[in-house]
């Protein structure tokens, strides 16, 4: 006897009655998957996918080959999850733009962490701010090992001038999950700070993104950021 091809009604009722906070990761993923395949229900597919990847965060960040190793899941479901991930990313940026004055706020840490912590390679990004420290743009400028030879001041300064920014917050991730700064991290910060000073732009901070921690080079402080 085949399993139902839509989420069990009790899951939808539970979502409608109790809200999403009261559903497990597997139940939420099952509702998202929406329909089963062959002899597997959507709940079974969700259970297999989480077991295979490790947790919900790993599911969202899985590559297509890993995702489609679960029989019954293909390109459509994978692309839907990627679309949902991008919706969340854009929503985070909209929320950040509503801050009247952005500096080293928890909102900044959380935004940068969500953007960068799951990258498999080091990614160097910048938040460009106006003279009231409101967000103009978020951009990723460099990829690969972040050191004094790979991060160049010119592209950053060019974007500052193009956007007419008055201040910048830069950040990069450590794929190891540990946010402690290296000598290269300190050197890059000093060099970019000096380059920006030449065009009268302030470097407010250089954040290093770990797994659940953010290190501020300017304040020499580590923050827990879930």
C-alpha atoms as a PDB file:
ATOM      1  CA  UNK A   1       0.000   0.000   0.000  1.00  0.00           C
ATOM      2  CA  UNK A   2       1.503   3.337  -1.057  1.00  0.00           C
ATOM      3  CA  UNK A   3       1.941   6.259   1.294  1.00  0.00           C
ATOM      4  CA  UNK A   4      -0.097   9.456   0.769  1.00  0.00           C
ATOM      5  CA  UNK A   5       1.378  11.875  -1.769  1.00  0.00           C
ATOM      6  CA  UNK A   6       0.663  14.985   0.311  1.00  0.00           C
ATOM      7  CA  UNK A   7       1.733  15.919   3.829  1.00  0.00           C
ATOM      8  CA  UNK A   8      -0.405  14.118   6.451  1.00  0.00           C
ATOM      9  CA  UNK A   9      -3.283  16.340   7.435  1.00  0.00           C
ATOM     10  CA  UNK A  10      -2.206  16.232  11.067  1.00  0.00           C
ATOM     11  CA  UNK A  11       1.018  18.078  10.162  1.00  0.00           C
ATOM     12  CA  UNK A  12      -0.871  20.874   8.439  1.00  0.00           C
ATOM     13  CA  UNK A  13      -3.309  21.026  11.328  1.00  0.00           C
ATOM     14  CA  UNK A  14      -0.423  21.150  13.794  1.00  0.00           C
ATOM     15  CA  UNK A  15       1.190  23.986  11.837  1.00  0.00           C
ATOM     16  CA  UNK A  16      -2.077  25.945  11.629  1.00  0.00           C
ATOM     17  CA  UNK A  17      -2.995  25.347  15.261  1.00  0.00           C
ATOM     18  CA  UNK A  18       0.333  25.539  17.101  1.00  0.00           C
ATOM     19  CA  UNK A  19       2.495  27.523  14.701  1.00  0.00           C
ATOM     20  CA  UNK A  20       5.828  26.626  13.060  1.00  0.00           C
ATOM     21  CA  UNK A  21       7.797  26.913  16.320  1.00  0.00           C
ATOM     22  CA  UNK A  22       6.113  23.754  17.568  1.00  0.00           C
ATOM     23  CA  UNK A  23       7.041  21.561  14.614  1.00  0.00           C
ATOM     24  CA  UNK A  24      10.256  19.568  14.480  1.00  0.00           C
ATOM     25  CA  UNK A  25      12.838  20.125  11.739  1.00  0.00           C
ATOM     26  CA  UNK A  26      11.657  16.937  10.059  1.00  0.00           C
ATOM     27  CA  UNK A  27       8.008  18.012  10.147  1.00  0.00           C
ATOM     28  CA  UNK A  28       8.777  21.444   8.690  1.00  0.00           C
ATOM     29  CA  UNK A  29      10.862  19.898   5.932  1.00  0.00           C
ATOM     30  CA  UNK A  30       8.101  17.361   5.199  1.00  0.00           C
ATOM     31  CA  UNK A  31       5.562  20.149   4.719  1.00  0.00           C
ATOM     32  CA  UNK A  32       8.012  21.939   2.443  1.00  0.00           C
ATOM     33  CA  UNK A  33       8.634  18.786   0.372  1.00  0.00           C
ATOM     34  CA  UNK A  34       4.838  18.579   0.166  1.00  0.00           C
ATOM     35  CA  UNK A  35       4.398  15.305  -1.737  1.00  0.00           C
ATOM     36  CA  UNK A  36       5.818  11.834  -1.506  1.00  0.00           C
ATOM     37  CA  UNK A  37       7.332   9.672  -4.186  1.00  0.00           C
ATOM     38  CA  UNK A  38       6.516   6.040  -4.882  1.00  0.00           C
ATOM     39  CA  UNK A  39       6.314   4.205  -1.575  1.00  0.00           C
ATOM     40  CA  UNK A  40       7.794   7.048   0.466  1.00  0.00           C
ATOM     41  CA  UNK A  41       5.744   9.755   2.118  1.00  0.00           C
ATOM     42  CA  UNK A  42       7.019  13.320   2.355  1.00  0.00           C
ATOM     43  CA  UNK A  43       7.720  12.667   6.051  1.00  0.00           C
ATOM     44  CA  UNK A  44       9.875   9.663   5.199  1.00  0.00           C
ATOM     45  CA  UNK A  45      11.744  11.670   2.565  1.00  0.00           C
ATOM     46  CA  UNK A  46      12.374  14.441   5.107  1.00  0.00           C
ATOM     47  CA  UNK A  47      13.639  11.946   7.682  1.00  0.00           C
ATOM     48  CA  UNK A  48      16.016  10.336   5.171  1.00  0.00           C
ATOM     49  CA  UNK A  49      17.300  13.703   3.956  1.00  0.00           C
ATOM     50  CA  UNK A  50      18.068  15.019   7.444  1.00  0.00           C
ATOM     51  CA  UNK A  51      19.668  11.719   8.439  1.00  0.00           C
ATOM     52  CA  UNK A  52      21.783  11.728   5.283  1.00  0.00           C
ATOM     53  CA  UNK A  53      22.913  15.380   5.576  1.00  0.00           C
ATOM     54  CA  UNK A  54      23.147  15.558   9.370  1.00  0.00           C
ATOM     55  CA  UNK A  55      20.758  18.385  10.256  1.00  0.00           C
ATOM     56  CA  UNK A  56      18.438  20.983   8.731  1.00  0.00           C
ATOM     57  CA  UNK A  57      21.207  23.530   8.250  1.00  0.00           C
ATOM     58  CA  UNK A  58      23.218  20.964   6.272  1.00  0.00           C
ATOM     59  CA  UNK A  59      20.147  20.197   4.135  1.00  0.00           C
ATOM     60  CA  UNK A  60      19.773  23.856   3.187  1.00  0.00           C
ATOM     61  CA  UNK A  61      23.472  24.100   2.306  1.00  0.00           C
ATOM     62  CA  UNK A  62      23.756  20.729   0.538  1.00  0.00           C
ATOM     63  CA  UNK A  63      25.019  20.580  -3.027  1.00  0.00           C
ATOM     64  CA  UNK A  64      22.652  19.086  -5.632  1.00  0.00           C
ATOM     65  CA  UNK A  65      24.527  15.780  -5.805  1.00  0.00           C
ATOM     66  CA  UNK A  66      24.217  15.228  -2.049  1.00  0.00           C
ATOM     67  CA  UNK A  67      20.572  16.286  -2.014  1.00  0.00           C
ATOM     68  CA  UNK A  68      19.541  14.005  -4.866  1.00  0.00           C
ATOM     69  CA  UNK A  69      21.133  10.908  -3.326  1.00  0.00           C
ATOM     70  CA  UNK A  70      17.788  10.432  -1.570  1.00  0.00           C
ATOM     71  CA  UNK A  71      15.643   8.440  -3.950  1.00  0.00           C
ATOM     72  CA  UNK A  72      12.515  10.460  -4.638  1.00  0.00           C
ATOM     73  CA  UNK A  73      14.109  13.914  -4.423  1.00  0.00           C
ATOM     74  CA  UNK A  74      15.291  15.694  -7.537  1.00  0.00           C
ATOM     75  CA  UNK A  75      15.996  19.041  -9.162  1.00  0.00           C
ATOM     76  CA  UNK A  76      12.586  20.588  -8.431  1.00  0.00           C
ATOM     77  CA  UNK A  77      12.783  20.140  -4.648  1.00  0.00           C
ATOM     78  CA  UNK A  78      16.448  21.181  -4.594  1.00  0.00           C
ATOM     79  CA  UNK A  79      15.753  24.387  -6.511  1.00  0.00           C
ATOM     80  CA  UNK A  80      12.795  25.164  -4.254  1.00  0.00           C
ATOM     81  CA  UNK A  81      15.021  24.947  -1.191  1.00  0.00           C
ATOM     82  CA  UNK A  82      17.619  27.179  -2.853  1.00  0.00           C
ATOM     83  CA  UNK A  83      14.901  29.713  -3.654  1.00  0.00           C
ATOM     84  CA  UNK A  84      13.720  29.639  -0.024  1.00  0.00           C
ATOM     85  CA  UNK A  85      17.295  30.135   1.150  1.00  0.00           C
ATOM     86  CA  UNK A  86      17.685  33.184  -1.086  1.00  0.00           C
ATOM     87  CA  UNK A  87      14.363  34.618   0.118  1.00  0.00           C
ATOM     88  CA  UNK A  88      15.650  34.399   3.701  1.00  0.00           C
ATOM     89  CA  UNK A  89      18.931  36.055   2.713  1.00  0.00           C
ATOM     90  CA  UNK A  90      17.139  38.970   1.052  1.00  0.00           C
ATOM     91  CA  UNK A  91      14.755  39.306   3.978  1.00  0.00           C
ATOM     92  CA  UNK A  92      17.742  39.599   6.327  1.00  0.00           C
ATOM     93  CA  UNK A  93      19.157  42.421   4.195  1.00  0.00           C
ATOM     94  CA  UNK A  94      15.835  44.292   4.154  1.00  0.00           C
ATOM     95  CA  UNK A  95      15.708  44.060   7.953  1.00  0.00           C
ATOM     96  CA  UNK A  96      19.278  45.342   8.191  1.00  0.00           C
ATOM     97  CA  UNK A  97      18.477  48.334   5.974  1.00  0.00           C
ATOM     98  CA  UNK A  98      15.767  49.429   8.414  1.00  0.00           C
ATOM     99  CA  UNK A  99      18.324  50.060  11.166  1.00  0.00           C
ATOM    100  CA  UNK A 100      18.640  53.837  11.457  1.00  0.00           C
ATOM    101  CA  UNK A 101      22.294  53.703  12.527  1.00  0.00           C
ATOM    102  CA  UNK A 102      24.400  50.647  11.920  1.00  0.00           C
ATOM    103  CA  UNK A 103      27.606  50.088  13.817  1.00  0.00           C
ATOM    104  CA  UNK A 104      28.647  47.016  15.808  1.00  0.00           C
ATOM    105  CA  UNK A 105      25.091  46.017  16.597  1.00  0.00           C
ATOM    106  CA  UNK A 106      23.845  42.497  17.119  1.00  0.00           C
ATOM    107  CA  UNK A 107      21.925  42.922  13.865  1.00  0.00           C
ATOM    108  CA  UNK A 108      25.212  43.402  12.006  1.00  0.00           C
ATOM    109  CA  UNK A 109      26.771  40.318  13.577  1.00  0.00           C
ATOM    110  CA  UNK A 110      23.716  38.185  12.859  1.00  0.00           C
ATOM    111  CA  UNK A 111      23.455  39.356   9.254  1.00  0.00           C
ATOM    112  CA  UNK A 112      27.117  38.731   8.488  1.00  0.00           C
ATOM    113  CA  UNK A 113      27.038  35.356  10.208  1.00  0.00           C
ATOM    114  CA  UNK A 114      24.055  34.203   8.146  1.00  0.00           C
ATOM    115  CA  UNK A 115      25.692  35.372   4.935  1.00  0.00           C
ATOM    116  CA  UNK A 116      29.124  33.856   5.467  1.00  0.00           C
ATOM    117  CA  UNK A 117      29.368  31.093   8.055  1.00  0.00           C
ATOM    118  CA  UNK A 118      28.299  28.213   5.782  1.00  0.00           C
ATOM    119  CA  UNK A 119      30.666  29.084   2.944  1.00  0.00           C
ATOM    120  CA  UNK A 120      33.090  26.263   2.276  1.00  0.00           C
ATOM    121  CA  UNK A 121      35.807  28.733   1.241  1.00  0.00           C
ATOM    122  CA  UNK A 122      36.798  32.021   2.787  1.00  0.00           C
ATOM    123  CA  UNK A 123      34.687  34.898   1.468  1.00  0.00           C
ATOM    124  CA  UNK A 124      35.473  38.576   2.013  1.00  0.00           C
ATOM    125  CA  UNK A 125      32.455  40.898   2.108  1.00  0.00           C
ATOM    126  CA  UNK A 126      31.672  44.519   2.838  1.00  0.00           C
ATOM    127  CA  UNK A 127      28.736  46.559   4.084  1.00  0.00           C
ATOM    128  CA  UNK A 128      28.824  50.047   2.572  1.00  0.00           C
ATOM    129  CA  UNK A 129      27.201  52.760   4.713  1.00  0.00           C
ATOM    130  CA  UNK A 130      26.232  56.387   4.219  1.00  0.00           C
ATOM    131  CA  UNK A 131      27.295  59.235   6.510  1.00  0.00           C
ATOM    132  CA  UNK A 132      24.512  58.337   8.954  1.00  0.00           C
ATOM    133  CA  UNK A 133      25.672  54.698   8.968  1.00  0.00           C
ATOM    134  CA  UNK A 134      22.640  53.453   7.076  1.00  0.00           C
ATOM    135  CA  UNK A 135      23.186  50.511   4.732  1.00  0.00           C
ATOM    136  CA  UNK A 136      23.750  51.286   1.068  1.00  0.00           C
ATOM    137  CA  UNK A 137      24.892  47.887  -0.159  1.00  0.00           C
ATOM    138  CA  UNK A 138      26.254  44.469   0.814  1.00  0.00           C
ATOM    139  CA  UNK A 139      28.805  42.997  -1.581  1.00  0.00           C
ATOM    140  CA  UNK A 140      31.167  40.017  -1.661  1.00  0.00           C
ATOM    141  CA  UNK A 141      34.501  41.118  -3.092  1.00  0.00           C
ATOM    142  CA  UNK A 142      37.016  38.278  -2.730  1.00  0.00           C
ATOM    143  CA  UNK A 143      36.896  34.498  -2.490  1.00  0.00           C
ATOM    144  CA  UNK A 144      39.588  32.064  -1.433  1.00  0.00           C
ATOM    145  CA  UNK A 145      42.249  32.335   1.247  1.00  0.00           C
ATOM    146  CA  UNK A 146      42.034  35.770   2.832  1.00  0.00           C
ATOM    147  CA  UNK A 147      45.565  37.070   3.323  1.00  0.00           C
ATOM    148  CA  UNK A 148      47.621  40.146   2.648  1.00  0.00           C
ATOM    149  CA  UNK A 149      48.318  39.130  -0.947  1.00  0.00           C
ATOM    150  CA  UNK A 150      44.767  38.177  -1.967  1.00  0.00           C
ATOM    151  CA  UNK A 151      42.775  41.128  -0.567  1.00  0.00           C
ATOM    152  CA  UNK A 152      43.425  44.279  -2.570  1.00  0.00           C
ATOM    153  CA  UNK A 153      42.513  47.789  -1.479  1.00  0.00           C
ATOM    154  CA  UNK A 154      41.737  49.104  -4.956  1.00  0.00           C
ATOM    155  CA  UNK A 155      38.441  47.227  -5.596  1.00  0.00           C
ATOM    156  CA  UNK A 156      37.175  48.198  -2.139  1.00  0.00           C
ATOM    157  CA  UNK A 157      38.069  51.868  -2.618  1.00  0.00           C
ATOM    158  CA  UNK A 158      36.547  51.857  -6.119  1.00  0.00           C
ATOM    159  CA  UNK A 159      33.234  50.548  -4.754  1.00  0.00           C
ATOM    160  CA  UNK A 160      33.300  53.086  -1.923  1.00  0.00           C
ATOM    161  CA  UNK A 161      33.681  55.921  -4.416  1.00  0.00           C
ATOM    162  CA  UNK A 162      31.106  54.464  -6.809  1.00  0.00           C
ATOM    163  CA  UNK A 163      28.515  54.111  -4.027  1.00  0.00           C
ATOM    164  CA  UNK A 164      29.482  57.406  -2.378  1.00  0.00           C
ATOM    165  CA  UNK A 165      29.857  55.535   0.901  1.00  0.00           C
ATOM    166  CA  UNK A 166      31.094  57.252   4.041  1.00  0.00           C
ATOM    167  CA  UNK A 167      31.899  54.168   6.115  1.00  0.00           C
ATOM    168  CA  UNK A 168      32.506  50.452   5.664  1.00  0.00           C
ATOM    169  CA  UNK A 169      32.230  47.297   7.740  1.00  0.00           C
ATOM    170  CA  UNK A 170      34.212  44.400   6.293  1.00  0.00           C
ATOM    171  CA  UNK A 171      33.944  40.742   7.223  1.00  0.00           C
ATOM    172  CA  UNK A 172      35.180  37.328   6.228  1.00  0.00           C
ATOM    173  CA  UNK A 173      34.480  33.803   7.406  1.00  0.00           C
ATOM    174  CA  UNK A 174      36.754  31.124   8.811  1.00  0.00           C
ATOM    175  CA  UNK A 175      35.506  27.769   7.434  1.00  0.00           C
ATOM    176  CA  UNK A 176      37.091  26.076  10.466  1.00  0.00           C
ATOM    177  CA  UNK A 177      34.352  27.683  12.563  1.00  0.00           C
ATOM    178  CA  UNK A 178      36.902  29.391  14.830  1.00  0.00           C
ATOM    179  CA  UNK A 179      36.861  33.202  14.564  1.00  0.00           C
ATOM    180  CA  UNK A 180      40.237  33.926  16.159  1.00  0.00           C
ATOM    181  CA  UNK A 181      42.210  36.386  13.992  1.00  0.00           C
ATOM    182  CA  UNK A 182      45.454  35.492  12.262  1.00  0.00           C
ATOM    183  CA  UNK A 183      48.368  37.839  11.637  1.00  0.00           C
ATOM    184  CA  UNK A 184      47.173  38.152   8.034  1.00  0.00           C
ATOM    185  CA  UNK A 185      43.733  39.226   9.293  1.00  0.00           C
ATOM    186  CA  UNK A 186      45.321  42.000  11.361  1.00  0.00           C
ATOM    187  CA  UNK A 187      47.598  43.083   8.495  1.00  0.00           C
ATOM    188  CA  UNK A 188      44.702  43.220   6.019  1.00  0.00           C
ATOM    189  CA  UNK A 189      42.667  45.325   8.444  1.00  0.00           C
ATOM    190  CA  UNK A 190      45.455  47.866   8.916  1.00  0.00           C
ATOM    191  CA  UNK A 191      46.178  48.115   5.206  1.00  0.00           C
ATOM    192  CA  UNK A 192      42.522  48.608   4.213  1.00  0.00           C
ATOM    193  CA  UNK A 193      41.982  51.085   7.037  1.00  0.00           C
ATOM    194  CA  UNK A 194      44.877  53.225   5.758  1.00  0.00           C
ATOM    195  CA  UNK A 195      43.654  53.020   2.147  1.00  0.00           C
ATOM    196  CA  UNK A 196      40.138  54.113   3.122  1.00  0.00           C
ATOM    197  CA  UNK A 197      41.485  57.004   5.206  1.00  0.00           C
ATOM    198  CA  UNK A 198      43.026  58.436   2.033  1.00  0.00           C
ATOM    199  CA  UNK A 199      39.507  58.910   0.610  1.00  0.00           C
ATOM    200  CA  UNK A 200      38.019  60.078   3.947  1.00  0.00           C
ATOM    201  CA  UNK A 201      36.087  56.881   4.587  1.00  0.00           C
ATOM    202  CA  UNK A 202      35.990  55.200   7.992  1.00  0.00           C
ATOM    203  CA  UNK A 203      36.539  51.490   8.458  1.00  0.00           C
ATOM    204  CA  UNK A 204      34.190  50.781  11.362  1.00  0.00           C
ATOM    205  CA  UNK A 205      35.201  47.168  11.871  1.00  0.00           C
ATOM    206  CA  UNK A 206      36.558  43.955  10.441  1.00  0.00           C
ATOM    207  CA  UNK A 207      34.456  41.023  11.611  1.00  0.00           C
ATOM    208  CA  UNK A 208      35.608  37.407  11.508  1.00  0.00           C
ATOM    209  CA  UNK A 209      32.725  34.981  11.237  1.00  0.00           C
ATOM    210  CA  UNK A 210      32.981  31.620  12.959  1.00  0.00           C
ATOM    211  CA  UNK A 211      30.286  29.033  13.447  1.00  0.00           C
ATOM    212  CA  UNK A 212      28.368  30.659  16.298  1.00  0.00           C
ATOM    213  CA  UNK A 213      30.856  33.372  17.206  1.00  0.00           C
ATOM    214  CA  UNK A 214      31.920  36.681  15.693  1.00  0.00           C
ATOM    215  CA  UNK A 215      35.251  38.359  16.445  1.00  0.00           C
ATOM    216  CA  UNK A 216      35.619  42.128  16.141  1.00  0.00           C
ATOM    217  CA  UNK A 217      39.163  43.099  15.230  1.00  0.00           C
ATOM    218  CA  UNK A 218      38.572  46.762  16.082  1.00  0.00           C
ATOM    219  CA  UNK A 219      37.303  46.100  19.595  1.00  0.00           C
ATOM    220  CA  UNK A 220      39.286  42.863  20.077  1.00  0.00           C
ATOM    221  CA  UNK A 221      36.116  41.220  21.355  1.00  0.00           C
ATOM    222  CA  UNK A 222      34.476  37.880  20.621  1.00  0.00           C
ATOM    223  CA  UNK A 223      30.692  37.662  20.640  1.00  0.00           C
ATOM    224  CA  UNK A 224      28.421  34.618  20.746  1.00  0.00           C
ATOM    225  CA  UNK A 225      25.973  34.917  17.884  1.00  0.00           C
ATOM    226  CA  UNK A 226      23.409  32.118  17.388  1.00  0.00           C
END
